[in-house]
Structures are given as C-alpha cells and as structure tokens.
Amino acid sequence: MNASFFGGAYSGDCGTLPADARLECKICWHVYDPADGDPESQTPPGTAFADLPAHWTCPQCDSPKQGFLLLAE
C-alpha cells in the first residue's frame, strides 16, 4: 500500500465526502486527488470526487467510482 493512510470506504455516497477528499482505487491503488483532477478524462484541477460524472472510471484500471476508498490525511 502507498504511504497514505486508509480512511475507509465511502459506500458510494459522494454527499458525505469533503470537496478536498482524496480517494484510492482498491484495485490498482491509483489516487484521485482533486487538486490534480484527471487529465486522462479532461477533468480540470479542483474537481471534487463527488463532482466526477457517474460514468467516470479509474484512469488506470477502469474500476468504477464505487471502487474507490477514502484516504485519511
């Protein structure tokens, strides 16, 4: 696992996530950081995970949004 701490599953309820929440794919460990956005899907920096479209998937392994885990800082 990477150096970040695991905060737990968010259960697919994006309404409970803070805007600056970072989430990690449970398949490939890719971290979605809102500060970086997702250049692969043309998502600009500053886009919260909750604001990603429902069809968004992990840019590395195509896992759905529900396959991400909240990282605690």
C-alpha atoms as a PDB file:
ATOM      1  CA  MET A   1       0.000   0.000   0.000  1.00  0.00           C
ATOM      2  CA  ASN A   2       1.229   3.553  -0.543  1.00  0.00           C
ATOM      3  CA  ALA A   3       2.292   5.969   2.210  1.00  0.00           C
ATOM      4  CA  SER A   4      -1.192   7.487   2.627  1.00  0.00           C
ATOM      5  CA  PHE A   5      -3.450   6.278   5.410  1.00  0.00           C
ATOM      6  CA  PHE A   6      -6.653   4.400   4.663  1.00  0.00           C
ATOM      7  CA  GLY A   7      -9.770   6.236   5.774  1.00  0.00           C
ATOM      8  CA  GLY A   8     -12.306   3.648   4.686  1.00  0.00           C
ATOM      9  CA  ALA A   9     -14.991   3.026   2.131  1.00  0.00           C
ATOM     10  CA  TYR A  10     -17.375   5.857   1.376  1.00  0.00           C
ATOM     11  CA  SER A  11     -20.132   3.416   0.354  1.00  0.00           C
ATOM     12  CA  GLY A  12     -20.790   5.191  -2.933  1.00  0.00           C
ATOM     13  CA  ASP A  13     -22.355   8.161  -1.126  1.00  0.00           C
ATOM     14  CA  CYS A  14     -20.427  11.116  -2.532  1.00  0.00           C
ATOM     15  CA  GLY A  15     -22.567  13.509  -0.490  1.00  0.00           C
ATOM     16  CA  THR A  16     -20.544  12.609   2.606  1.00  0.00           C
ATOM     17  CA  LEU A  17     -17.167  13.436   1.053  1.00  0.00           C
ATOM     18  CA  PRO A  18     -15.398  16.738   1.665  1.00  0.00           C
ATOM     19  CA  ALA A  19     -14.502  18.616  -1.538  1.00  0.00           C
ATOM     20  CA  ASP A  20     -10.783  18.038  -0.996  1.00  0.00           C
ATOM     21  CA  ALA A  21     -11.100  14.303  -0.246  1.00  0.00           C
ATOM     22  CA  ARG A  22      -8.524  12.069  -1.909  1.00  0.00           C
ATOM     23  CA  LEU A  23      -9.623   8.559  -2.823  1.00  0.00           C
ATOM     24  CA  GLU A  24      -7.645   5.471  -3.801  1.00  0.00           C
ATOM     25  CA  CYS A  25      -8.702   2.750  -6.218  1.00  0.00           C
ATOM     26  CA  LYS A  26      -8.948  -0.551  -4.363  1.00  0.00           C
ATOM     27  CA  ILE A  27      -7.843  -2.450  -7.483  1.00  0.00           C
ATOM     28  CA  CYS A  28      -4.709  -0.619  -8.655  1.00  0.00           C
ATOM     29  CA  TRP A  29      -4.086   1.944  -5.872  1.00  0.00           C
ATOM     30  CA  HIS A  30      -4.408   4.940  -8.196  1.00  0.00           C
ATOM     31  CA  VAL A  31      -5.138   8.044  -6.102  1.00  0.00           C
ATOM     32  CA  TYR A  32      -7.657  10.603  -7.323  1.00  0.00           C
ATOM     33  CA  ASP A  33      -6.582  13.975  -5.951  1.00  0.00           C
ATOM     34  CA  PRO A  34      -8.981  16.860  -6.633  1.00  0.00           C
ATOM     35  CA  ALA A  35      -6.015  19.258  -6.702  1.00  0.00           C
ATOM     36  CA  ASP A  36      -4.771  17.423  -9.818  1.00  0.00           C
ATOM     37  CA  GLY A  37      -8.084  16.484 -11.460  1.00  0.00           C
ATOM     38  CA  ASP A  38      -7.863  13.761 -14.096  1.00  0.00           C
ATOM     39  CA  PRO A  39      -6.076  14.840 -17.276  1.00  0.00           C
ATOM     40  CA  GLU A  40      -6.931  11.465 -18.860  1.00  0.00           C
ATOM     41  CA  SER A  41     -10.654  12.319 -18.856  1.00  0.00           C
ATOM     42  CA  GLN A  42     -10.121  16.077 -19.252  1.00  0.00           C
ATOM     43  CA  THR A  43     -11.266  16.717 -15.681  1.00  0.00           C
ATOM     44  CA  PRO A  44      -9.743  20.030 -14.569  1.00  0.00           C
ATOM     45  CA  PRO A  45      -7.813  20.510 -11.327  1.00  0.00           C
ATOM     46  CA  GLY A  46     -10.090  21.495  -8.463  1.00  0.00           C
ATOM     47  CA  THR A  47     -12.819  18.967  -9.381  1.00  0.00           C
ATOM     48  CA  ALA A  48     -14.062  17.177  -6.271  1.00  0.00           C
ATOM     49  CA  PHE A  49     -14.519  13.407  -6.457  1.00  0.00           C
ATOM     50  CA  ALA A  50     -18.244  13.930  -5.820  1.00  0.00           C
ATOM     51  CA  ASP A  51     -18.416  16.128  -8.938  1.00  0.00           C
ATOM     52  CA  LEU A  52     -16.984  13.491 -11.277  1.00  0.00           C
ATOM     53  CA  PRO A  53     -19.626  12.160 -13.689  1.00  0.00           C
ATOM     54  CA  ALA A  54     -21.357   8.888 -12.767  1.00  0.00           C
ATOM     55  CA  HIS A  55     -19.685   7.135 -15.717  1.00  0.00           C
ATOM     56  CA  TRP A  56     -16.165   8.153 -14.604  1.00  0.00           C
ATOM     57  CA  THR A  57     -13.799   5.222 -14.039  1.00  0.00           C
ATOM     58  CA  CYS A  58     -10.265   4.819 -12.759  1.00  0.00           C
ATOM     59  CA  PRO A  59      -7.865   6.053 -15.450  1.00  0.00           C
ATOM     60  CA  GLN A  60      -5.529   3.106 -14.795  1.00  0.00           C
ATOM     61  CA  CYS A  61      -7.821   0.073 -14.457  1.00  0.00           C
ATOM     62  CA  ASP A  62     -11.385   1.221 -15.327  1.00  0.00           C
ATOM     63  CA  SER A  63     -12.744   0.452 -11.849  1.00  0.00           C
ATOM     64  CA  PRO A  64     -15.991   2.384 -11.214  1.00  0.00           C
ATOM     65  CA  LYS A  65     -16.191   5.282  -8.731  1.00  0.00           C
ATOM     66  CA  GLN A  66     -17.680   2.898  -6.155  1.00  0.00           C
ATOM     67  CA  GLY A  67     -14.376   1.011  -6.264  1.00  0.00           C
ATOM     68  CA  PHE A  68     -12.528   3.859  -4.539  1.00  0.00           C
ATOM     69  CA  LEU A  69     -11.648   4.144  -0.860  1.00  0.00           C
ATOM     70  CA  LEU A  70     -11.312   7.338   1.147  1.00  0.00           C
ATOM     71  CA  LEU A  71      -7.785   8.233   2.242  1.00  0.00           C
ATOM     72  CA  ALA A  72      -7.376   9.940   5.596  1.00  0.00           C
ATOM     73  CA  GLU A  73      -4.759  12.632   5.734  1.00  0.00           C
END
